[in-house]
Amino acid sequence: DNQECCFGPGAKIFHNVLVNMDEGKTAEFKFRPVTVHGKLEIRPWINPGDGKCYSVYHIQASRVK
């Protein structure tokens, strides 16, 4: 892993994680790897616009550092 993101068409659904922060919590955008604390679930995210699955991992995050 070269720590580069694979944004855009063709990214594998298991190459990314959808993260939602707990209510009232925030995180700053970083270009470097971060540590996410929370609950990991396998929960497919289907884009309502095109019906395609873009991610299978989800974290409900309590903090990011």
PDB file of N, CA and C in Angstrom:
ATOM      1  N   ASP A   1       0.852  -1.182   0.000  1.00  0.00           N
ATOM      2  CA  ASP A   1       0.000   0.000   0.000  1.00  0.00           C
ATOM      3  C   ASP A   1       0.890   1.234   0.000  1.00  0.00           C
ATOM      4  N   ASN A   2       0.699   2.102  -0.981  1.00  0.00           N
ATOM      5  CA  ASN A   2       1.525   3.316  -1.072  1.00  0.00           C
ATOM      6  C   ASN A   2       0.867   4.519  -0.394  1.00  0.00           C
ATOM      7  N   GLN A   3      -0.194   4.281   0.403  1.00  0.00           N
ATOM      8  CA  GLN A   3      -0.880   5.336   1.155  1.00  0.00           C
ATOM      9  C   GLN A   3      -1.555   6.372   0.259  1.00  0.00           C
ATOM     10  N   GLU A   4      -1.771   6.064  -1.007  1.00  0.00           N
ATOM     11  CA  GLU A   4      -2.467   6.955  -1.934  1.00  0.00           C
ATOM     12  C   GLU A   4      -3.925   6.527  -2.009  1.00  0.00           C
ATOM     13  N   CYS A   5      -4.817   7.473  -2.051  1.00  0.00           N
ATOM     14  CA  CYS A   5      -6.244   7.166  -2.197  1.00  0.00           C
ATOM     15  C   CYS A   5      -6.565   6.820  -3.644  1.00  0.00           C
ATOM     16  N   CYS A   6      -7.586   6.042  -3.816  1.00  0.00           N
ATOM     17  CA  CYS A   6      -8.010   5.705  -5.187  1.00  0.00           C
ATOM     18  C   CYS A   6      -9.400   6.291  -5.431  1.00  0.00           C
ATOM     19  N   PHE A   7      -9.493   7.623  -5.414  1.00  0.00           N
ATOM     20  CA  PHE A   7     -10.758   8.289  -5.706  1.00  0.00           C
ATOM     21  C   PHE A   7     -11.061   8.148  -7.189  1.00  0.00           C
ATOM     22  N   GLY A   8     -12.317   8.165  -7.499  1.00  0.00           N
ATOM     23  CA  GLY A   8     -12.713   8.151  -8.896  1.00  0.00           C
ATOM     24  C   GLY A   8     -13.230   6.796  -9.319  1.00  0.00           C
ATOM     25  N   PRO A   9     -13.626   6.708 -10.580  1.00  0.00           N
ATOM     26  CA  PRO A   9     -14.208   5.466 -11.092  1.00  0.00           C
ATOM     27  C   PRO A   9     -13.210   4.315 -11.025  1.00  0.00           C
ATOM     28  N   GLY A  10     -13.720   3.137 -10.735  1.00  0.00           N
ATOM     29  CA  GLY A  10     -12.886   1.952 -10.760  1.00  0.00           C
ATOM     30  C   GLY A  10     -12.287   1.558  -9.427  1.00  0.00           C
ATOM     31  N   ALA A  11     -12.452   2.366  -8.377  1.00  0.00           N
ATOM     32  CA  ALA A  11     -11.922   1.993  -7.066  1.00  0.00           C
ATOM     33  C   ALA A  11     -12.671   0.761  -6.562  1.00  0.00           C
ATOM     34  N   LYS A  12     -11.950  -0.132  -5.931  1.00  0.00           N
ATOM     35  CA  LYS A  12     -12.569  -1.337  -5.376  1.00  0.00           C
ATOM     36  C   LYS A  12     -13.411  -0.971  -4.152  1.00  0.00           C
ATOM     37  N   ILE A  13     -14.524  -1.664  -3.957  1.00  0.00           N
ATOM     38  CA  ILE A  13     -15.422  -1.328  -2.850  1.00  0.00           C
ATOM     39  C   ILE A  13     -14.796  -1.640  -1.494  1.00  0.00           C
ATOM     40  N   PHE A  14     -13.742  -2.450  -1.466  1.00  0.00           N
ATOM     41  CA  PHE A  14     -13.078  -2.765  -0.206  1.00  0.00           C
ATOM     42  C   PHE A  14     -11.791  -1.958  -0.019  1.00  0.00           C
ATOM     43  N   HIS A  15     -11.567  -0.960  -0.866  1.00  0.00           N
ATOM     44  CA  HIS A  15     -10.404  -0.078  -0.757  1.00  0.00           C
ATOM     45  C   HIS A  15     -10.728   1.222  -0.036  1.00  0.00           C
ATOM     46  N   ASN A  16     -11.931   1.377   0.455  1.00  0.00           N
ATOM     47  CA  ASN A  16     -12.291   2.612   1.153  1.00  0.00           C
ATOM     48  C   ASN A  16     -13.245   2.308   2.301  1.00  0.00           C
ATOM     49  N   VAL A  17     -13.387   3.281   3.169  1.00  0.00           N
ATOM     50  CA  VAL A  17     -14.255   3.158   4.339  1.00  0.00           C
ATOM     51  C   VAL A  17     -15.105   4.420   4.426  1.00  0.00           C
ATOM     52  N   LEU A  18     -16.405   4.256   4.562  1.00  0.00           N
ATOM     53  CA  LEU A  18     -17.302   5.380   4.790  1.00  0.00           C
ATOM     54  C   LEU A  18     -17.288   5.670   6.287  1.00  0.00           C
ATOM     55  N   VAL A  19     -16.971   6.913   6.665  1.00  0.00           N
ATOM     56  CA  VAL A  19     -16.882   7.288   8.078  1.00  0.00           C
ATOM     57  C   VAL A  19     -17.883   8.391   8.372  1.00  0.00           C
ATOM     58  N   ASN A  20     -18.693   8.182   9.400  1.00  0.00           N
ATOM     59  CA  ASN A  20     -19.595   9.214   9.915  1.00  0.00           C
ATOM     60  C   ASN A  20     -19.177   9.506  11.345  1.00  0.00           C
ATOM     61  N   MET A  21     -19.038  10.792  11.669  1.00  0.00           N
ATOM     62  CA  MET A  21     -18.664  11.189  13.023  1.00  0.00           C
ATOM     63  C   MET A  21     -19.906  11.215  13.918  1.00  0.00           C
ATOM     64  N   ASP A  22     -19.704  10.855  15.192  1.00  0.00           N
ATOM     65  CA  ASP A  22     -20.778  10.973  16.168  1.00  0.00           C
ATOM     66  C   ASP A  22     -21.258  12.418  16.216  1.00  0.00           C
ATOM     67  N   GLU A  23     -22.513  12.610  16.559  1.00  0.00           N
ATOM     68  CA  GLU A  23     -23.082  13.957  16.629  1.00  0.00           C
ATOM     69  C   GLU A  23     -22.266  14.833  17.578  1.00  0.00           C
ATOM     70  N   GLY A  24     -21.942  16.029  17.102  1.00  0.00           N
ATOM     71  CA  GLY A  24     -21.170  16.979  17.886  1.00  0.00           C
ATOM     72  C   GLY A  24     -19.662  16.800  17.771  1.00  0.00           C
ATOM     73  N   LYS A  25     -19.215  15.749  17.100  1.00  0.00           N
ATOM     74  CA  LYS A  25     -17.783  15.493  16.914  1.00  0.00           C
ATOM     75  C   LYS A  25     -17.365  15.944  15.523  1.00  0.00           C
ATOM     76  N   THR A  26     -16.118  16.380  15.393  1.00  0.00           N
ATOM     77  CA  THR A  26     -15.597  16.812  14.099  1.00  0.00           C
ATOM     78  C   THR A  26     -14.193  16.252  13.906  1.00  0.00           C
ATOM     79  N   ALA A  27     -13.705  16.346  12.697  1.00  0.00           N
ATOM     80  CA  ALA A  27     -12.333  15.952  12.368  1.00  0.00           C
ATOM     81  C   ALA A  27     -11.814  16.897  11.300  1.00  0.00           C
ATOM     82  N   GLU A  28     -10.508  17.106  11.288  1.00  0.00           N
ATOM     83  CA  GLU A  28      -9.880  17.927  10.257  1.00  0.00           C
ATOM     84  C   GLU A  28      -9.424  17.034   9.112  1.00  0.00           C
ATOM     85  N   PHE A  29      -9.553  17.550   7.889  1.00  0.00           N
ATOM     86  CA  PHE A  29      -9.088  16.816   6.718  1.00  0.00           C
ATOM     87  C   PHE A  29      -7.570  16.783   6.719  1.00  0.00           C
ATOM     88  N   LYS A  30      -6.993  15.612   6.449  1.00  0.00           N
ATOM     89  CA  LYS A  30      -5.542  15.436   6.402  1.00  0.00           C
ATOM     90  C   LYS A  30      -5.156  14.737   5.102  1.00  0.00           C
ATOM     91  N   PHE A  31      -3.958  14.994   4.646  1.00  0.00           N
ATOM     92  CA  PHE A  31      -3.416  14.276   3.492  1.00  0.00           C
ATOM     93  C   PHE A  31      -2.601  13.067   3.930  1.00  0.00           C
ATOM     94  N   ARG A  32      -2.449  12.879   5.213  1.00  0.00           N
ATOM     95  CA  ARG A  32      -1.691  11.774   5.776  1.00  0.00           C
ATOM     96  C   ARG A  32      -2.659  10.771   6.409  1.00  0.00           C
ATOM     97  N   PRO A  33      -2.217   9.549   6.636  1.00  0.00           N
ATOM     98  CA  PRO A  33      -3.077   8.573   7.315  1.00  0.00           C
ATOM     99  C   PRO A  33      -3.484   9.067   8.708  1.00  0.00           C
ATOM    100  N   VAL A  34      -4.672   8.701   9.124  1.00  0.00           N
ATOM    101  CA  VAL A  34      -5.192   9.061  10.444  1.00  0.00           C
ATOM    102  C   VAL A  34      -5.674   7.793  11.138  1.00  0.00           C
ATOM    103  N   THR A  35      -5.878   7.896  12.440  1.00  0.00           N
ATOM    104  CA  THR A  35      -6.446   6.804  13.225  1.00  0.00           C
ATOM    105  C   THR A  35      -7.889   7.172  13.548  1.00  0.00           C
ATOM    106  N   VAL A  36      -8.809   6.277  13.218  1.00  0.00           N
ATOM    107  CA  VAL A  36     -10.230   6.508  13.463  1.00  0.00           C
ATOM    108  C   VAL A  36     -10.684   5.553  14.562  1.00  0.00           C
ATOM    109  N   HIS A  37     -11.296   6.106  15.606  1.00  0.00           N
ATOM    110  CA  HIS A  37     -11.811   5.302  16.717  1.00  0.00           C
ATOM    111  C   HIS A  37     -13.325   5.242  16.602  1.00  0.00           C
ATOM    112  N   GLY A  38     -13.878   4.053  16.682  1.00  0.00           N
ATOM    113  CA  GLY A  38     -15.323   3.904  16.610  1.00  0.00           C
ATOM    114  C   GLY A  38     -15.716   2.470  16.356  1.00  0.00           C
ATOM    115  N   LYS A  39     -16.908   2.290  15.854  1.00  0.00           N
ATOM    116  CA  LYS A  39     -17.458   0.964  15.602  1.00  0.00           C
ATOM    117  C   LYS A  39     -17.389   0.655  14.110  1.00  0.00           C
ATOM    118  N   LEU A  40     -16.664  -0.414  13.761  1.00  0.00           N
ATOM    119  CA  LEU A  40     -16.532  -0.851  12.368  1.00  0.00           C
ATOM    120  C   LEU A  40     -17.643  -1.837  12.043  1.00  0.00           C
ATOM    121  N   GLU A  41     -18.304  -1.606  10.925  1.00  0.00           N
ATOM    122  CA  GLU A  41     -19.356  -2.514  10.462  1.00  0.00           C
ATOM    123  C   GLU A  41     -19.131  -2.833   8.993  1.00  0.00           C
ATOM    124  N   ILE A  42     -19.573  -3.987   8.592  1.00  0.00           N
ATOM    125  CA  ILE A  42     -19.647  -4.302   7.173  1.00  0.00           C
ATOM    126  C   ILE A  42     -21.075  -3.979   6.780  1.00  0.00           C
ATOM    127  N   ARG A  43     -21.205  -2.860   6.069  1.00  0.00           N
ATOM    128  CA  ARG A  43     -22.527  -2.324   5.726  1.00  0.00           C
ATOM    129  C   ARG A  43     -22.403  -1.655   4.368  1.00  0.00           C
ATOM    130  N   PRO A  44     -22.818  -2.332   3.310  1.00  0.00           N
ATOM    131  CA  PRO A  44     -22.679  -1.760   1.973  1.00  0.00           C
ATOM    132  C   PRO A  44     -23.357  -0.394   1.847  1.00  0.00           C
ATOM    133  N   TRP A  45     -22.678   0.513   1.133  1.00  0.00           N
ATOM    134  CA  TRP A  45     -23.271   1.807   0.822  1.00  0.00           C
ATOM    135  C   TRP A  45     -23.595   1.823  -0.662  1.00  0.00           C
ATOM    136  N   ILE A  46     -24.882   1.938  -0.949  1.00  0.00           N
ATOM    137  CA  ILE A  46     -25.369   1.979  -2.325  1.00  0.00           C
ATOM    138  C   ILE A  46     -25.690   3.428  -2.664  1.00  0.00           C
ATOM    139  N   ASN A  47     -25.097   3.936  -3.720  1.00  0.00           N
ATOM    140  CA  ASN A  47     -25.357   5.307  -4.162  1.00  0.00           C
ATOM    141  C   ASN A  47     -26.776   5.376  -4.721  1.00  0.00           C
ATOM    142  N   PRO A  48     -27.632   6.208  -4.117  1.00  0.00           N
ATOM    143  CA  PRO A  48     -29.010   6.283  -4.614  1.00  0.00           C
ATOM    144  C   PRO A  48     -29.098   6.839  -6.033  1.00  0.00           C
ATOM    145  N   GLY A  49     -28.077   7.572  -6.468  1.00  0.00           N
ATOM    146  CA  GLY A  49     -28.100   8.158  -7.806  1.00  0.00           C
ATOM    147  C   GLY A  49     -27.937   7.147  -8.918  1.00  0.00           C
ATOM    148  N   ASP A  50     -27.050   6.158  -8.720  1.00  0.00           N
ATOM    149  CA  ASP A  50     -26.817   5.199  -9.804  1.00  0.00           C
ATOM    150  C   ASP A  50     -27.039   3.744  -9.384  1.00  0.00           C
ATOM    151  N   GLY A  51     -27.375   3.516  -8.108  1.00  0.00           N
ATOM    152  CA  GLY A  51     -27.673   2.168  -7.651  1.00  0.00           C
ATOM    153  C   GLY A  51     -26.463   1.270  -7.460  1.00  0.00           C
ATOM    154  N   LYS A  52     -25.251   1.816  -7.591  1.00  0.00           N
ATOM    155  CA  LYS A  52     -24.035   1.010  -7.464  1.00  0.00           C
ATOM    156  C   LYS A  52     -23.515   1.029  -6.027  1.00  0.00           C
ATOM    157  N   CYS A  53     -22.884  -0.068  -5.649  1.00  0.00           N
ATOM    158  CA  CYS A  53     -22.253  -0.165  -4.334  1.00  0.00           C
ATOM    159  C   CYS A  53     -20.845   0.421  -4.431  1.00  0.00           C
ATOM    160  N   TYR A  54     -20.529   1.390  -3.562  1.00  0.00           N
ATOM    161  CA  TYR A  54     -19.225   2.052  -3.591  1.00  0.00           C
ATOM    162  C   TYR A  54     -18.355   1.732  -2.381  1.00  0.00           C
ATOM    163  N   SER A  55     -18.916   1.152  -1.346  1.00  0.00           N
ATOM    164  CA  SER A  55     -18.144   0.815  -0.157  1.00  0.00           C
ATOM    165  C   SER A  55     -18.860  -0.279   0.605  1.00  0.00           C
ATOM    166  N   VAL A  56     -18.079  -1.153   1.266  1.00  0.00           N
ATOM    167  CA  VAL A  56     -18.696  -2.175   2.113  1.00  0.00           C
ATOM    168  C   VAL A  56     -18.371  -1.957   3.583  1.00  0.00           C
ATOM    169  N   TYR A  57     -17.415  -1.073   3.872  1.00  0.00           N
ATOM    170  CA  TYR A  57     -17.022  -0.819   5.258  1.00  0.00           C
ATOM    171  C   TYR A  57     -17.567   0.521   5.732  1.00  0.00           C
ATOM    172  N   HIS A  58     -18.008   0.550   6.994  1.00  0.00           N
ATOM    173  CA  HIS A  58     -18.540   1.772   7.595  1.00  0.00           C
ATOM    174  C   HIS A  58     -18.016   1.872   9.015  1.00  0.00           C
ATOM    175  N   ILE A  59     -17.582   3.075   9.405  1.00  0.00           N
ATOM    176  CA  ILE A  59     -17.203   3.332  10.793  1.00  0.00           C
ATOM    177  C   ILE A  59     -18.044   4.481  11.321  1.00  0.00           C
ATOM    178  N   GLN A  60     -18.699   4.235  12.458  1.00  0.00           N
ATOM    179  CA  GLN A  60     -19.348   5.303  13.212  1.00  0.00           C
ATOM    180  C   GLN A  60     -18.291   5.773  14.193  1.00  0.00           C
ATOM    181  N   ALA A  61     -17.704   6.930  13.923  1.00  0.00           N
ATOM    182  CA  ALA A  61     -16.490   7.363  14.617  1.00  0.00           C
ATOM    183  C   ALA A  61     -16.775   8.257  15.817  1.00  0.00           C
ATOM    184  N   SER A  62     -16.053   7.980  16.898  1.00  0.00           N
ATOM    185  CA  SER A  62     -16.132   8.813  18.083  1.00  0.00           C
ATOM    186  C   SER A  62     -14.998   9.835  18.119  1.00  0.00           C
ATOM    187  N   ARG A  63     -13.883   9.526  17.420  1.00  0.00           N
ATOM    188  CA  ARG A  63     -12.791  10.487  17.316  1.00  0.00           C
ATOM    189  C   ARG A  63     -11.833  10.083  16.210  1.00  0.00           C
ATOM    190  N   VAL A  64     -11.097  11.067  15.732  1.00  0.00           N
ATOM    191  CA  VAL A  64     -10.067  10.868  14.716  1.00  0.00           C
ATOM    192  C   VAL A  64      -8.825  11.593  15.200  1.00  0.00           C
ATOM    193  N   LYS A  65      -7.680  10.928  15.123  1.00  0.00           N
ATOM    194  CA  LYS A  65      -6.445  11.615  15.485  1.00  0.00           C
ATOM    195  C   LYS A  65      -5.337  11.273  14.520  1.00  0.00           C
TER     196      LYS A  65
END
